C-alpha atoms as a PDB file:
ATOM      1  CA  MET A   1    -105.530  57.044 -40.131  1.00  0.00           C
ATOM      2  CA  THR A   2    -103.915  53.687 -39.935  1.00  0.00           C
ATOM      3  CA  SER A   3    -100.478  55.237 -39.483  1.00  0.00           C
ATOM      4  CA  GLY A   4    -101.785  57.521 -36.730  1.00  0.00           C
ATOM      5  CA  PHE A   5    -103.341  54.627 -34.914  1.00  0.00           C
ATOM      6  CA  ILE A   6    -100.133  52.651 -35.055  1.00  0.00           C
ATOM      7  CA  PHE A   7     -98.161  55.626 -33.805  1.00  0.00           C
ATOM      8  CA  ALA A   8    -100.564  56.114 -30.916  1.00  0.00           C
ATOM      9  CA  LEU A   9    -100.353  52.452 -30.073  1.00  0.00           C
ATOM     10  CA  VAL A  10     -96.554  52.534 -30.082  1.00  0.00           C
ATOM     11  CA  LEU A  11     -96.577  55.667 -27.962  1.00  0.00           C
ATOM     12  CA  ALA A  12     -98.946  54.076 -25.468  1.00  0.00           C
ATOM     13  CA  ALA A  13     -96.683  51.032 -25.296  1.00  0.00           C
ATOM     14  CA  ILE A  14     -93.651  53.203 -24.691  1.00  0.00           C
ATOM     15  CA  VAL A  15     -95.498  55.098 -21.948  1.00  0.00           C
ATOM     16  CA  ALA A  16     -96.557  51.837 -20.357  1.00  0.00           C
ATOM     17  CA  VAL A  17     -93.023  50.487 -20.421  1.00  0.00           C
ATOM     18  CA  VAL A  18     -91.640  53.732 -19.021  1.00  0.00           C
ATOM     19  CA  ALA A  19     -94.279  53.738 -16.291  1.00  0.00           C
ATOM     20  CA  TYR A  20     -93.554  50.122 -15.486  1.00  0.00           C
ATOM     21  CA  LYS A  21     -89.828  50.696 -15.391  1.00  0.00           C
ATOM     22  CA  GLY A  22     -90.002  54.038 -13.641  1.00  0.00           C
ATOM     23  CA  ILE A  23     -92.282  53.112 -10.743  1.00  0.00           C
ATOM     24  CA  CYS A  24     -90.758  51.007  -7.924  1.00  0.00           C
ATOM     25  CA  VAL A  25     -92.534  49.789  -4.799  1.00  0.00           C
ATOM     26  CA  VAL A  26     -90.000  48.957  -2.104  1.00  0.00           C
ATOM     27  CA  PRO A  27     -91.211  46.515   0.624  1.00  0.00           C
ATOM     28  CA  GLN A  28     -90.954  47.280   4.358  1.00  0.00           C
ATOM     29  CA  GLN A  29     -87.589  46.563   6.056  1.00  0.00           C
ATOM     30  CA  THR A  30     -85.916  46.573   2.640  1.00  0.00           C
ATOM     31  CA  ALA A  31     -83.482  48.998   0.982  1.00  0.00           C
ATOM     32  CA  TRP A  32     -82.772  49.171  -2.743  1.00  0.00           C
ATOM     33  CA  VAL A  33     -79.611  50.767  -4.084  1.00  0.00           C
ATOM     34  CA  VAL A  34     -80.039  52.712  -7.351  1.00  0.00           C
ATOM     35  CA  GLU A  35     -77.196  53.273  -9.821  1.00  0.00           C
ATOM     36  CA  ARG A  36     -77.466  55.955 -12.500  1.00  0.00           C
ATOM     37  CA  LEU A  37     -75.316  55.323 -15.517  1.00  0.00           C
ATOM     38  CA  GLY A  38     -73.158  52.914 -13.465  1.00  0.00           C
ATOM     39  CA  ARG A  39     -72.648  55.161 -10.469  1.00  0.00           C
ATOM     40  CA  PHE A  40     -74.317  55.151  -7.047  1.00  0.00           C
ATOM     41  CA  HIS A  41     -77.305  57.447  -7.111  1.00  0.00           C
ATOM     42  CA  ALA A  42     -79.627  56.822  -4.148  1.00  0.00           C
ATOM     43  CA  VAL A  43     -81.095  54.375  -1.704  1.00  0.00           C
ATOM     44  CA  LEU A  44     -84.816  53.803  -2.155  1.00  0.00           C
ATOM     45  CA  ASN A  45     -86.802  53.692   1.072  1.00  0.00           C
ATOM     46  CA  PRO A  46     -89.850  51.469   1.611  1.00  0.00           C
ATOM     47  CA  GLY A  47     -92.886  52.662  -0.348  1.00  0.00           C
ATOM     48  CA  LEU A  48     -93.494  54.143  -3.849  1.00  0.00           C
ATOM     49  CA  ASN A  49     -90.389  55.449  -5.636  1.00  0.00           C
ATOM     50  CA  LEU A  50     -89.739  56.800  -9.156  1.00  0.00           C
ATOM     51  CA  VAL A  51     -86.662  56.092 -11.263  1.00  0.00           C
ATOM     52  CA  ILE A  52     -85.636  56.980 -14.807  1.00  0.00           C
ATOM     53  CA  PRO A  53     -85.991  53.947 -17.047  1.00  0.00           C
ATOM     54  CA  PHE A  54     -82.918  52.790 -18.944  1.00  0.00           C
ATOM     55  CA  ILE A  55     -80.793  55.310 -16.997  1.00  0.00           C
ATOM     56  CA  ASP A  56     -81.341  54.187 -13.408  1.00  0.00           C
ATOM     57  CA  ARG A  57     -81.200  50.573 -12.377  1.00  0.00           C
ATOM     58  CA  ILE A  58     -81.696  48.679  -9.125  1.00  0.00           C
ATOM     59  CA  ALA A  59     -78.197  47.384  -8.465  1.00  0.00           C
ATOM     60  CA  TYR A  60     -78.597  45.886  -4.944  1.00  0.00           C
ATOM     61  CA  ARG A  61     -81.458  44.814  -2.733  1.00  0.00           C
ATOM     62  CA  HIS A  62     -80.751  44.530   1.013  1.00  0.00           C
ATOM     63  CA  SER A  63     -82.913  43.244   3.821  1.00  0.00           C
ATOM     64  CA  LEU A  64     -82.758  45.407   6.937  1.00  0.00           C
ATOM     65  CA  LYS A  65     -84.008  42.614   9.184  1.00  0.00           C
ATOM     66  CA  GLU A  66     -81.844  40.790  11.725  1.00  0.00           C
ATOM     67  CA  VAL A  67     -80.263  37.822   9.974  1.00  0.00           C
ATOM     68  CA  PRO A  68     -79.007  34.653  11.740  1.00  0.00           C
ATOM     69  CA  LEU A  69     -75.889  33.266  10.083  1.00  0.00           C
ATOM     70  CA  ASP A  70     -74.713  29.766  10.912  1.00  0.00           C
ATOM     71  CA  THR A  71     -70.908  29.768  10.997  1.00  0.00           C
ATOM     72  CA  PRO A  72     -69.234  26.561   9.820  1.00  0.00           C
ATOM     73  CA  GLN A  73     -67.864  24.182  12.427  1.00  0.00           C
ATOM     74  CA  GLN A  74     -64.104  24.479  12.917  1.00  0.00           C
ATOM     75  CA  ILE A  75     -61.285  22.997  14.991  1.00  0.00           C
ATOM     76  CA  CYS A  76     -59.620  25.341  17.504  1.00  0.00           C
ATOM     77  CA  ILE A  77     -56.509  24.713  19.611  1.00  0.00           C
ATOM     78  CA  THR A  78     -56.716  25.739  23.253  1.00  0.00           C
ATOM     79  CA  LYS A  79     -53.887  27.117  25.369  1.00  0.00           C
ATOM     80  CA  ASP A  80     -53.131  23.644  26.755  1.00  0.00           C
ATOM     81  CA  ASN A  81     -52.840  22.228  23.197  1.00  0.00           C
ATOM     82  CA  THR A  82     -56.198  20.491  23.101  1.00  0.00           C
ATOM     83  CA  GLN A  83     -58.303  20.303  19.948  1.00  0.00           C
ATOM     84  CA  LEU A  84     -61.805  21.666  20.319  1.00  0.00           C
ATOM     85  CA  SER A  85     -64.568  21.565  17.721  1.00  0.00           C
ATOM     86  CA  VAL A  86     -66.601  24.807  17.861  1.00  0.00           C
ATOM     87  CA  ASP A  87     -69.896  25.568  16.181  1.00  0.00           C
ATOM     88  CA  GLY A  88     -71.747  28.885  16.499  1.00  0.00           C
ATOM     89  CA  VAL A  89     -74.343  31.216  15.091  1.00  0.00           C
ATOM     90  CA  LEU A  90     -73.904  34.909  14.269  1.00  0.00           C
ATOM     91  CA  PHE A  91     -76.672  37.530  14.256  1.00  0.00           C
ATOM     92  CA  PHE A  92     -76.163  40.658  12.140  1.00  0.00           C
ATOM     93  CA  GLN A  93     -78.134  43.445  10.501  1.00  0.00           C
ATOM     94  CA  VAL A  94     -77.494  45.763   7.537  1.00  0.00           C
ATOM     95  CA  THR A  95     -77.398  49.351   8.784  1.00  0.00           C
ATOM     96  CA  ASP A  96     -75.857  51.162   5.770  1.00  0.00           C
ATOM     97  CA  PRO A  97     -77.031  49.813   2.388  1.00  0.00           C
ATOM     98  CA  GLN A  98     -74.491  51.890   0.444  1.00  0.00           C
ATOM     99  CA  ARG A  99     -71.516  50.498   2.364  1.00  0.00           C
ATOM    100  CA  ALA A 100     -73.011  47.036   2.306  1.00  0.00           C
ATOM    101  CA  SER A 101     -73.112  47.325  -1.480  1.00  0.00           C
ATOM    102  CA  TYR A 102     -69.693  48.786  -2.120  1.00  0.00           C
ATOM    103  CA  GLY A 103     -67.677  48.225   1.074  1.00  0.00           C
ATOM    104  CA  THR A 104     -67.000  44.540   0.336  1.00  0.00           C
ATOM    105  CA  SER A 105     -67.773  42.131  -2.423  1.00  0.00           C
ATOM    106  CA  ASN A 106     -69.701  39.859  -0.036  1.00  0.00           C
ATOM    107  CA  TYR A 107     -70.252  40.995   3.513  1.00  0.00           C
ATOM    108  CA  VAL A 108     -71.712  37.607   4.555  1.00  0.00           C
ATOM    109  CA  ILE A 109     -68.493  35.768   3.689  1.00  0.00           C
ATOM    110  CA  ALA A 110     -66.457  38.593   5.235  1.00  0.00           C
ATOM    111  CA  ILE A 111     -68.134  38.480   8.642  1.00  0.00           C
ATOM    112  CA  THR A 112     -68.165  34.654   8.596  1.00  0.00           C
ATOM    113  CA  GLN A 113     -64.421  34.450   8.017  1.00  0.00           C
ATOM    114  CA  LEU A 114     -63.741  37.166  10.578  1.00  0.00           C
ATOM    115  CA  ALA A 115     -65.896  35.364  13.149  1.00  0.00           C
ATOM    116  CA  GLN A 116     -63.959  32.127  12.631  1.00  0.00           C
ATOM    117  CA  THR A 117     -60.529  33.731  12.902  1.00  0.00           C
ATOM    118  CA  THR A 118     -61.538  35.741  15.975  1.00  0.00           C
ATOM    119  CA  LEU A 119     -62.970  32.638  17.611  1.00  0.00           C
ATOM    120  CA  ARG A 120     -59.741  30.711  17.054  1.00  0.00           C
ATOM    121  CA  SER A 121     -57.765  33.583  18.543  1.00  0.00           C
ATOM    122  CA  VAL A 122     -59.958  33.882  21.640  1.00  0.00           C
ATOM    123  CA  ILE A 123     -60.035  30.132  22.357  1.00  0.00           C
ATOM    124  CA  GLY A 124     -56.271  29.902  21.797  1.00  0.00           C
ATOM    125  CA  ARG A 125     -55.788  32.133  24.851  1.00  0.00           C
ATOM    126  CA  MET A 126     -57.873  29.891  27.131  1.00  0.00           C
ATOM    127  CA  GLU A 127     -57.428  26.476  28.658  1.00  0.00           C
ATOM    128  CA  LEU A 128     -59.916  23.726  27.916  1.00  0.00           C
ATOM    129  CA  ASP A 129     -61.775  23.956  31.229  1.00  0.00           C
ATOM    130  CA  ARG A 130     -62.231  27.720  30.909  1.00  0.00           C
ATOM    131  CA  THR A 131     -63.807  27.419  27.459  1.00  0.00           C
ATOM    132  CA  PHE A 132     -66.781  25.589  28.995  1.00  0.00           C
ATOM    133  CA  GLU A 133     -67.087  28.057  31.856  1.00  0.00           C
ATOM    134  CA  GLU A 134     -66.629  31.363  29.964  1.00  0.00           C
ATOM    135  CA  ARG A 135     -68.874  31.102  26.947  1.00  0.00           C
ATOM    136  CA  ASP A 136     -70.204  34.597  27.547  1.00  0.00           C
ATOM    137  CA  THR A 137     -66.668  35.983  27.496  1.00  0.00           C
ATOM    138  CA  ILE A 138     -65.948  34.237  24.185  1.00  0.00           C
ATOM    139  CA  ASN A 139     -69.184  35.494  22.645  1.00  0.00           C
ATOM    140  CA  HIS A 140     -68.513  39.066  23.729  1.00  0.00           C
ATOM    141  CA  SER A 141     -64.952  38.983  22.416  1.00  0.00           C
ATOM    142  CA  VAL A 142     -66.075  37.714  18.999  1.00  0.00           C
ATOM    143  CA  VAL A 143     -68.809  40.369  18.722  1.00  0.00           C
ATOM    144  CA  SER A 144     -66.424  43.185  19.704  1.00  0.00           C
ATOM    145  CA  ALA A 145     -63.792  42.150  17.159  1.00  0.00           C
ATOM    146  CA  ILE A 146     -66.255  41.696  14.266  1.00  0.00           C
ATOM    147  CA  ASP A 147     -68.296  44.815  15.011  1.00  0.00           C
ATOM    148  CA  GLU A 148     -65.260  47.064  14.761  1.00  0.00           C
ATOM    149  CA  ALA A 149     -64.344  45.803  11.306  1.00  0.00           C
ATOM    150  CA  ALA A 150     -67.911  45.456  10.036  1.00  0.00           C
ATOM    151  CA  LEU A 151     -68.590  49.188  10.331  1.00  0.00           C
ATOM    152  CA  ASN A 152     -66.895  49.708   6.956  1.00  0.00           C
ATOM    153  CA  TRP A 153     -69.136  47.061   5.459  1.00  0.00           C
ATOM    154  CA  GLY A 154     -72.397  48.710   6.556  1.00  0.00           C
ATOM    155  CA  VAL A 155     -73.188  45.755   8.820  1.00  0.00           C
ATOM    156  CA  LYS A 156     -73.889  45.702  12.571  1.00  0.00           C
ATOM    157  CA  VAL A 157     -73.045  42.471  14.388  1.00  0.00           C
ATOM    158  CA  LEU A 158     -75.592  42.104  17.162  1.00  0.00           C
ATOM    159  CA  ARG A 159     -74.423  38.971  18.965  1.00  0.00           C
ATOM    160  CA  TYR A 160     -72.620  35.672  18.606  1.00  0.00           C
ATOM    161  CA  GLU A 161     -73.649  32.453  20.325  1.00  0.00           C
ATOM    162  CA  ILE A 162     -71.636  29.245  20.633  1.00  0.00           C
ATOM    163  CA  LYS A 163     -73.890  26.318  19.867  1.00  0.00           C
ATOM    164  CA  ASP A 164     -71.544  23.482  20.690  1.00  0.00           C
ATOM    165  CA  LEU A 165     -68.067  22.841  22.101  1.00  0.00           C
ATOM    166  CA  THR A 166     -66.925  19.301  21.404  1.00  0.00           C
ATOM    167  CA  PRO A 167     -63.505  18.034  22.509  1.00  0.00           C
ATOM    168  CA  PRO A 168     -62.052  14.762  21.141  1.00  0.00           C
ATOM    169  CA  ASN A 169     -63.417  11.441  22.397  1.00  0.00           C
ATOM    170  CA  VAL A 170     -60.278  10.775  24.435  1.00  0.00           C
ATOM    171  CA  ILE A 171     -60.727  14.065  26.262  1.00  0.00           C
ATOM    172  CA  LEU A 172     -64.420  13.344  26.776  1.00  0.00           C
ATOM    173  CA  GLN A 173     -63.625   9.972  28.338  1.00  0.00           C
ATOM    174  CA  ALA A 174     -60.983  11.535  30.585  1.00  0.00           C
ATOM    175  CA  MET A 175     -63.436  14.238  31.646  1.00  0.00           C
ATOM    176  CA  GLN A 176     -66.056  11.605  32.381  1.00  0.00           C
ATOM    177  CA  ARG A 177     -63.595   9.651  34.549  1.00  0.00           C
ATOM    178  CA  GLN A 178     -62.681  12.859  36.359  1.00  0.00           C
ATOM    179  CA  ILE A 179     -66.339  13.663  37.003  1.00  0.00           C
ATOM    180  CA  THR A 180     -66.969  10.110  38.230  1.00  0.00           C
ATOM    181  CA  ALA A 181     -63.956  10.267  40.564  1.00  0.00           C
ATOM    182  CA  GLU A 182     -65.067  13.640  41.906  1.00  0.00           C
ATOM    183  CA  ARG A 183     -68.562  12.336  42.582  1.00  0.00           C
ATOM    184  CA  GLU A 184     -67.191   9.217  44.291  1.00  0.00           C
ATOM    185  CA  LYS A 185     -64.952  11.447  46.399  1.00  0.00           C
ATOM    186  CA  ARG A 186     -67.939  13.555  47.419  1.00  0.00           C
ATOM    187  CA  ALA A 187     -69.892  10.403  48.251  1.00  0.00           C
ATOM    188  CA  VAL A 188     -67.048   9.081  50.445  1.00  0.00           C
ATOM    189  CA  VAL A 189     -66.716  12.439  52.182  1.00  0.00           C
ATOM    190  CA  ALA A 190     -70.459  12.624  52.739  1.00  0.00           C
ATOM    191  CA  THR A 191     -70.492   9.064  54.116  1.00  0.00           C
ATOM    192  CA  SER A 192     -67.587   9.779  56.473  1.00  0.00           C
ATOM    193  CA  GLU A 193     -69.251  12.981  57.625  1.00  0.00           C
ATOM    194  CA  GLY A 194     -72.424  11.017  58.297  1.00  0.00           C
ATOM    195  CA  LYS A 195     -70.556   8.359  60.292  1.00  0.00           C
ATOM    196  CA  LYS A 196     -68.717  11.074  62.207  1.00  0.00           C
ATOM    197  CA  GLN A 197     -71.957  12.819  63.072  1.00  0.00           C
ATOM    198  CA  GLU A 198     -73.512   9.490  64.010  1.00  0.00           C
ATOM    199  CA  ALA A 199     -70.593   8.695  66.361  1.00  0.00           C
ATOM    200  CA  ILE A 200     -70.850  12.166  67.889  1.00  0.00           C
ATOM    201  CA  ASN A 201     -74.576  11.752  68.409  1.00  0.00           C
ATOM    202  CA  LEU A 202     -74.124   8.296  69.962  1.00  0.00           C
ATOM    203  CA  ALA A 203     -71.358   9.572  72.256  1.00  0.00           C
ATOM    204  CA  GLU A 204     -73.435  12.546  73.337  1.00  0.00           C
ATOM    205  CA  GLY A 205     -76.429  10.274  73.907  1.00  0.00           C
ATOM    206  CA  ALA A 206     -74.345   7.825  75.967  1.00  0.00           C
ATOM    207  CA  ARG A 207     -72.874  10.690  77.983  1.00  0.00           C
ATOM    208  CA  ALA A 208     -76.308  12.156  78.625  1.00  0.00           C
ATOM    209  CA  ALA A 209     -77.607   8.705  79.619  1.00  0.00           C
ATOM    210  CA  ALA A 210     -74.648   8.152  81.950  1.00  0.00           C
ATOM    211  CA  VAL A 211     -75.157  11.567  83.536  1.00  0.00           C
ATOM    212  CA  ALA A 212     -78.856  10.921  83.960  1.00  0.00           C
ATOM    213  CA  ARG A 213     -78.162   7.443  85.402  1.00  0.00           C
ATOM    214  CA  SER A 214     -75.560   8.789  87.828  1.00  0.00           C
ATOM    215  CA  GLU A 215     -77.908  11.571  88.868  1.00  0.00           C
ATOM    216  CA  GLY A 216     -80.620   8.981  89.453  1.00  0.00           C
ATOM    217  CA  GLU A 217     -78.289   6.752  91.488  1.00  0.00           C
ATOM    218  CA  LYS A 218     -77.128   9.771  93.454  1.00  0.00           C
ATOM    219  CA  GLN A 219     -80.677  10.833  94.210  1.00  0.00           C
ATOM    220  CA  SER A 220     -81.582   7.240  95.090  1.00  0.00           C
ATOM    221  CA  LYS A 221     -78.699   6.979  97.557  1.00  0.00           C
ATOM    222  CA  ILE A 222     -79.635  10.365  98.995  1.00  0.00           C
ATOM    223  CA  ASN A 223     -83.212   9.230  99.391  1.00  0.00           C
ATOM    224  CA  ILE A 224     -82.117   5.919 100.998  1.00  0.00           C
ATOM    225  CA  ALA A 225     -79.738   7.733 103.351  1.00  0.00           C
ATOM    226  CA  GLU A 226     -82.399  10.240 104.266  1.00  0.00           C
ATOM    227  CA  GLY A 227     -84.865   7.405 104.812  1.00  0.00           C
ATOM    228  CA  GLN A 228     -82.398   5.477 106.991  1.00  0.00           C
ATOM    229  CA  ALA A 229     -81.585   8.620 108.937  1.00  0.00           C
ATOM    230  CA  ALA A 230     -85.278   9.332 109.422  1.00  0.00           C
ATOM    231  CA  ALA A 231     -85.857   5.687 110.467  1.00  0.00           C
ATOM    232  CA  THR A 232     -82.945   5.807 112.941  1.00  0.00           C
ATOM    233  CA  VAL A 233     -84.243   9.042 114.401  1.00  0.00           C
ATOM    234  CA  ALA A 234     -87.740   7.568 114.657  1.00  0.00           C
ATOM    235  CA  ILE A 235     -86.428   4.381 116.279  1.00  0.00           C
ATOM    236  CA  ALA A 236     -84.303   6.397 118.687  1.00  0.00           C
ATOM    237  CA  LYS A 237     -87.258   8.574 119.542  1.00  0.00           C
ATOM    238  CA  ALA A 238     -89.465   5.489 120.014  1.00  0.00           C
ATOM    239  CA  THR A 239     -86.805   3.762 122.160  1.00  0.00           C
ATOM    240  CA  ALA A 240     -86.327   6.879 124.262  1.00  0.00           C
ATOM    241  CA  GLU A 241     -90.082   7.197 124.700  1.00  0.00           C
ATOM    242  CA  ALA A 242     -90.316   3.512 125.652  1.00  0.00           C
ATOM    243  CA  LEU A 243     -87.511   3.876 128.183  1.00  0.00           C
ATOM    244  CA  ARG A 244     -89.182   6.930 129.615  1.00  0.00           C
ATOM    245  CA  GLN A 245     -92.429   5.050 129.975  1.00  0.00           C
ATOM    246  CA  VAL A 246     -90.651   2.033 131.549  1.00  0.00           C
ATOM    247  CA  ALA A 247     -88.803   4.301 133.953  1.00  0.00           C
ATOM    248  CA  SER A 248     -92.044   6.022 134.800  1.00  0.00           C
ATOM    249  CA  ALA A 249     -93.750   2.653 135.289  1.00  0.00           C
ATOM    250  CA  THR A 250     -91.059   1.360 137.636  1.00  0.00           C
ATOM    251  CA  GLU A 251     -91.605   4.298 139.929  1.00  0.00           C
ATOM    252  CA  GLU A 252     -95.236   3.400 140.393  1.00  0.00           C
ATOM    253  CA  PRO A 253     -96.343   0.784 142.996  1.00  0.00           C
ATOM    254  CA  GLY A 254     -95.835  -2.716 141.654  1.00  0.00           C
ATOM    255  CA  GLY A 255     -93.943  -1.427 138.648  1.00  0.00           C
ATOM    256  CA  MET A 256     -90.642  -3.080 139.520  1.00  0.00           C
ATOM    257  CA  THR A 257     -92.398  -6.377 140.108  1.00  0.00           C
ATOM    258  CA  ALA A 258     -93.918  -6.217 136.630  1.00  0.00           C
ATOM    259  CA  VAL A 259     -90.561  -5.405 135.127  1.00  0.00           C
ATOM    260  CA  ASN A 260     -88.938  -8.345 136.890  1.00  0.00           C
ATOM    261  CA  LEU A 261     -91.714 -10.599 135.655  1.00  0.00           C
ATOM    262  CA  GLN A 262     -91.262  -9.394 132.095  1.00  0.00           C
ATOM    263  CA  VAL A 263     -87.503  -9.971 132.251  1.00  0.00           C
ATOM    264  CA  ALA A 264     -87.989 -13.445 133.638  1.00  0.00           C
ATOM    265  CA  GLN A 265     -90.455 -14.245 130.862  1.00  0.00           C
ATOM    266  CA  ARG A 266     -87.945 -13.168 128.224  1.00  0.00           C
ATOM    267  CA  TYR A 267     -85.241 -15.194 129.977  1.00  0.00           C
ATOM    268  CA  VAL A 268     -87.363 -18.296 129.727  1.00  0.00           C
ATOM    269  CA  ASP A 269     -88.213 -17.573 126.084  1.00  0.00           C
ATOM    270  CA  ALA A 270     -84.527 -17.182 125.294  1.00  0.00           C
ATOM    271  CA  PHE A 271     -83.695 -20.603 126.675  1.00  0.00           C
ATOM    272  CA  ALA A 272     -86.596 -22.056 124.711  1.00  0.00           C
ATOM    273  CA  LYS A 273     -85.249 -20.636 121.481  1.00  0.00           C
ATOM    274  CA  ILE A 274     -81.776 -21.982 122.242  1.00  0.00           C
ATOM    275  CA  ALA A 275     -83.272 -25.428 122.701  1.00  0.00           C
ATOM    276  CA  GLU A 276     -85.013 -25.158 119.322  1.00  0.00           C
ATOM    277  CA  GLN A 277     -81.884 -24.107 117.418  1.00  0.00           C
ATOM    278  CA  SER A 278     -79.317 -26.633 118.858  1.00  0.00           C
ATOM    279  CA  ASN A 279     -79.246 -30.176 120.158  1.00  0.00           C
ATOM    280  CA  THR A 280     -76.570 -29.323 122.726  1.00  0.00           C
ATOM    281  CA  LEU A 281     -77.620 -27.045 125.523  1.00  0.00           C
ATOM    282  CA  VAL A 282     -75.841 -25.992 128.712  1.00  0.00           C
ATOM    283  CA  VAL A 283     -78.412 -25.190 131.434  1.00  0.00           C
ATOM    284  CA  PRO A 284     -78.200 -24.534 135.141  1.00  0.00           C
ATOM    285  CA  ALA A 285     -78.162 -27.553 137.446  1.00  0.00           C
ATOM    286  CA  ASN A 286     -81.413 -26.534 139.057  1.00  0.00           C
ATOM    287  CA  MET A 287     -83.222 -25.927 135.715  1.00  0.00           C
ATOM    288  CA  GLY A 288     -85.972 -28.287 136.830  1.00  0.00           C
ATOM    289  CA  ASP A 289     -86.919 -26.021 139.643  1.00  0.00           C
ATOM    290  CA  LEU A 290     -89.036 -23.239 138.123  1.00  0.00           C
ATOM    291  CA  ALA A 291     -88.821 -21.177 141.252  1.00  0.00           C
ATOM    292  CA  SER A 292     -85.046 -21.312 141.101  1.00  0.00           C
ATOM    293  CA  LEU A 293     -85.180 -20.170 137.426  1.00  0.00           C
ATOM    294  CA  ILE A 294     -87.388 -17.235 138.261  1.00  0.00           C
ATOM    295  CA  THR A 295     -85.152 -16.356 141.193  1.00  0.00           C
ATOM    296  CA  SER A 296     -82.128 -16.400 138.877  1.00  0.00           C
ATOM    297  CA  SER A 297     -83.947 -14.127 136.423  1.00  0.00           C
ATOM    298  CA  MET A 298     -84.837 -11.708 139.195  1.00  0.00           C
ATOM    299  CA  ALA A 299     -81.209 -11.674 140.294  1.00  0.00           C
ATOM    300  CA  ILE A 300     -80.169 -10.700 136.758  1.00  0.00           C
ATOM    301  CA  VAL A 301     -82.643  -7.838 136.815  1.00  0.00           C
ATOM    302  CA  LYS A 302     -81.316  -6.648 140.174  1.00  0.00           C
ATOM    303  CA  GLY A 303     -77.774  -6.799 138.832  1.00  0.00           C
ATOM    304  CA  GLY A 304     -76.503  -9.277 141.385  1.00  0.00           C
ATOM    305  CA  SER A 305     -73.338 -11.343 140.842  1.00  0.00           C
ATOM    306  CA  ALA A 306     -73.429 -15.044 139.963  1.00  0.00           C
ATOM    307  CA  LYS A 307     -71.348 -17.966 141.134  1.00  0.00           C
ATOM    308  CA  PRO A 308     -70.623 -21.077 139.147  1.00  0.00           C
ATOM    309  CA  ASN A 309     -72.535 -24.158 140.255  1.00  0.00           C
ATOM    310  CA  ALA A 310     -71.509 -27.768 139.942  1.00  0.00           C
ATOM    311  CA  ALA A 311     -72.444 -27.826 136.242  1.00  0.00           C
ATOM    312  CA  GLY A 312     -70.127 -24.929 135.502  1.00  0.00           C
ATOM    313  CA  VAL A 313     -72.897 -22.369 135.027  1.00  0.00           C
ATOM    314  CA  LYS A 314     -72.946 -19.236 137.089  1.00  0.00           C
ATOM    315  CA  ASN A 315     -75.875 -19.126 139.457  1.00  0.00           C
ATOM    316  CA  PRO A 316     -77.167 -15.766 140.476  1.00  0.00           C
ATOM    317  CA  VAL A 317     -76.887 -14.876 144.155  1.00  0.00           C
ATOM    318  CA  PRO A 318     -80.187 -13.677 145.672  1.00  0.00           C
END
């Protein structure tokens, strides 16, 4: 009874060990490679799997997730012989667990080294300025070169991204001076363009002002000329009307007498004004005789001739 119990206990232990060793639960997005007696047997998919204890063994465990791999920083030489420190990150994924297990001893080191050598080759064909402008081209070239070789390793390279491109300090200082000079050049050009536009605007404004001023002066002169012409015409019309009225008045009875009286009055007023404006006055000898003055005025109206008197002044002949 004791021996049977021990045997049953040993058998139960063996069954437990076999069950423990023979049942495998593979996590999601994971692939396990099984070797049977040292040779590749199968790839266990996620879930519950059975293996033969002590005959099968889990040789490799691979994650099928996308893995970011930081590539070491390295010095690359550009086409124009400039040193450039490059740092990047590589994204890959295991697509064939069997090849990933037996295609290379370490696919991580393999794709890292291949990424570095490809990067040096790509940058070596570019000048320094192009490396900053064509990062996408560099990334695509690295991915294409690695992906072709990584097929035999059961790995798919998804993308490569350059994290940093760092030239030497001397190159950085030279680039900074170049950028500063370019910005100063743009500032000078912008300032000159502004001054040019300002001068153009001022010239156009002055020209417009001069044109407007000349147009105003022209219109003013036209208005003055038209006003003077209108005034001359009005004066001429008024003078003609006055002469017509005077002529009409002289034809009436007593009209000539009134005209002669008016002329004589103006004659006397003229001599009075001459006396006011000058201390020296030449007058007729008979100036004291008012009747003689009026007679002389009437003779002027009638258009009679005059003879010089003793004082040298022409006396009108009645």
